[in-house]
C-alpha atoms as a PDB file:
ATOM      1  CA  MET A   1     -18.582  20.446   3.228  1.00  0.00           C
ATOM      2  CA  ARG A   2     -15.981  19.767   0.541  1.00  0.00           C
ATOM      3  CA  GLN A   3     -17.132  18.120  -2.661  1.00  0.00           C
ATOM      4  CA  ARG A   4     -15.128  17.526  -5.833  1.00  0.00           C
ATOM      5  CA  ILE A   5     -17.112  17.776  -9.037  1.00  0.00           C
ATOM      6  CA  ASP A   6     -16.285  17.760 -12.720  1.00  0.00           C
ATOM      7  CA  ALA A   7     -17.822  20.508 -14.817  1.00  0.00           C
ATOM      8  CA  VAL A   8     -17.799  21.901 -18.344  1.00  0.00           C
ATOM      9  CA  TYR A   9     -17.449  25.609 -19.072  1.00  0.00           C
ATOM     10  CA  GLU A  10     -19.983  26.681 -21.725  1.00  0.00           C
ATOM     11  CA  ASN A  11     -21.047  30.178 -22.750  1.00  0.00           C
ATOM     12  CA  GLY A  12     -19.695  31.764 -19.576  1.00  0.00           C
ATOM     13  CA  VAL A  13     -21.271  29.211 -17.197  1.00  0.00           C
ATOM     14  CA  LEU A  14     -19.810  26.214 -15.350  1.00  0.00           C
ATOM     15  CA  ARG A  15     -22.132  23.239 -15.889  1.00  0.00           C
ATOM     16  CA  PRO A  16     -21.663  20.332 -13.438  1.00  0.00           C
ATOM     17  CA  LEU A  17     -21.536  16.882 -15.028  1.00  0.00           C
ATOM     18  CA  GLU A  18     -23.446  15.351 -12.092  1.00  0.00           C
ATOM     19  CA  PRO A  19     -26.302  16.595  -9.892  1.00  0.00           C
ATOM     20  CA  LEU A  20     -25.157  18.583  -6.844  1.00  0.00           C
ATOM     21  CA  LYS A  21     -26.541  18.228  -3.321  1.00  0.00           C
ATOM     22  CA  LEU A  22     -27.140  21.971  -2.953  1.00  0.00           C
ATOM     23  CA  THR A  23     -30.206  24.087  -2.339  1.00  0.00           C
ATOM     24  CA  ASP A  24     -31.280  26.869  -4.688  1.00  0.00           C
ATOM     25  CA  HIS A  25     -29.369  30.107  -4.081  1.00  0.00           C
ATOM     26  CA  GLN A  26     -26.919  28.369  -1.722  1.00  0.00           C
ATOM     27  CA  ARG A  27     -23.572  30.165  -1.765  1.00  0.00           C
ATOM     28  CA  VAL A  28     -20.492  28.050  -2.435  1.00  0.00           C
ATOM     29  CA  CYS A  29     -16.788  28.679  -2.950  1.00  0.00           C
ATOM     30  CA  VAL A  30     -15.457  27.353  -6.257  1.00  0.00           C
ATOM     31  CA  THR A  31     -11.830  26.587  -7.081  1.00  0.00           C
ATOM     32  CA  VAL A  32     -11.172  26.101 -10.775  1.00  0.00           C
ATOM     33  CA  GLU A  33      -8.435  23.768 -11.969  1.00  0.00           C
ATOM     34  CA  SER A  34      -8.289  22.829 -15.621  1.00  0.00           C
ATOM     35  CA  GLY A  35      -7.632  19.242 -16.694  1.00  0.00           C
ATOM     36  CA  GLY A  36     -10.234  17.455 -14.591  1.00  0.00           C
ATOM     37  CA  GLN A  37      -8.415  14.131 -14.876  1.00  0.00           C
ATOM     38  CA  ASP A  38      -5.648  15.152 -12.442  1.00  0.00           C
ATOM     39  CA  ILE A  39      -5.232  13.249  -9.186  1.00  0.00           C
ATOM     40  CA  TRP A  40      -6.511  15.188  -6.177  1.00  0.00           C
ATOM     41  CA  LEU A  41      -4.854  14.728  -2.806  1.00  0.00           C
ATOM     42  CA  ASP A  42      -6.346  15.475   0.573  1.00  0.00           C
ATOM     43  CA  LEU A  43      -3.721  17.787   2.067  1.00  0.00           C
ATOM     44  CA  ASP A  44      -4.540  16.687   5.629  1.00  0.00           C
ATOM     45  CA  VAL A  45      -3.822  13.078   4.668  1.00  0.00           C
ATOM     46  CA  VAL A  46      -0.589  14.039   2.905  1.00  0.00           C
ATOM     47  CA  GLU A  47       0.567  16.002   5.970  1.00  0.00           C
ATOM     48  CA  TRP A  48      -0.309  13.082   8.269  1.00  0.00           C
ATOM     49  CA  ALA A  49       1.537  10.624   6.020  1.00  0.00           C
ATOM     50  CA  MET A  50       4.636  12.811   5.939  1.00  0.00           C
ATOM     51  CA  ASN A  51       4.662  13.040   9.741  1.00  0.00           C
ATOM     52  CA  GLU A  52       4.008   9.317  10.229  1.00  0.00           C
ATOM     53  CA  SER A  53       6.307   7.976   7.498  1.00  0.00           C
ATOM     54  CA  ASP A  54       9.278   5.785   8.316  1.00  0.00           C
ATOM     55  CA  ALA A  55      12.344   6.862   6.321  1.00  0.00           C
ATOM     56  CA  SER A  56      13.965   3.470   6.908  1.00  0.00           C
ATOM     57  CA  ILE A  57      11.423   1.815   4.564  1.00  0.00           C
ATOM     58  CA  SER A  58      12.557   2.109   0.957  1.00  0.00           C
ATOM     59  CA  LEU A  59      10.396   2.324  -2.143  1.00  0.00           C
ATOM     60  CA  ASP A  60      11.777  -1.078  -3.183  1.00  0.00           C
ATOM     61  CA  ASP A  61      10.550  -2.536   0.150  1.00  0.00           C
ATOM     62  CA  VAL A  62       7.062  -1.169  -0.505  1.00  0.00           C
ATOM     63  CA  ARG A  63       7.020  -2.477  -4.075  1.00  0.00           C
ATOM     64  CA  SER A  64       8.215  -5.897  -2.901  1.00  0.00           C
ATOM     65  CA  ARG A  65       5.459  -6.185  -0.288  1.00  0.00           C
ATOM     66  CA  LEU A  66       2.769  -4.933  -2.666  1.00  0.00           C
ATOM     67  CA  SER A  67       3.815  -7.471  -5.296  1.00  0.00           C
ATOM     68  CA  LYS A  68       3.065 -10.283  -2.851  1.00  0.00           C
ATOM     69  CA  LEU A  69      -0.595  -9.280  -2.406  1.00  0.00           C
ATOM     70  CA  SER A  70      -3.076 -11.526  -4.157  1.00  0.00           C
ATOM     71  CA  GLY A  71      -5.962  -9.851  -5.953  1.00  0.00           C
ATOM     72  CA  SER A  72      -6.235  -6.083  -6.241  1.00  0.00           C
ATOM     73  CA  LEU A  73      -4.947  -3.535  -3.762  1.00  0.00           C
ATOM     74  CA  SER A  74      -8.466  -2.138  -3.321  1.00  0.00           C
ATOM     75  CA  GLU A  75      -9.776  -5.594  -2.357  1.00  0.00           C
ATOM     76  CA  PHE A  76      -6.971  -5.901   0.192  1.00  0.00           C
ATOM     77  CA  VAL A  77      -7.724  -2.469   1.708  1.00  0.00           C
ATOM     78  CA  ILE A  78     -11.458  -3.240   1.922  1.00  0.00           C
ATOM     79  CA  ALA A  79     -10.732  -6.549   3.645  1.00  0.00           C
ATOM     80  CA  GLU A  80      -8.365  -4.864   6.119  1.00  0.00           C
ATOM     81  CA  ARG A  81     -10.934  -2.191   7.004  1.00  0.00           C
ATOM     82  CA  GLY A  82     -13.682  -4.667   7.787  1.00  0.00           C
ATOM     83  CA  ASP A  83     -17.316  -3.543   7.707  1.00  0.00           C
ATOM     84  CA  PHE A  84     -17.377   0.222   7.288  1.00  0.00           C
END
């Protein structure tokens, strides 16, 4: 299971800012990256997008189509997905 959490380093210990769904003494692998406000990308999704992308569509085309959406992009995506 992969889970992204924000934590604070204090007195030699990483302290999560939210409760974790882990059992006592459960072993985990931790990757530390400073600056917790960075955008994280799912590498599988990035690889899929690179393989599926259409080079004939320009950034201006994308911006033009996005500008025609009413409401927020997240509302549009939720509506397109249906009931999930």
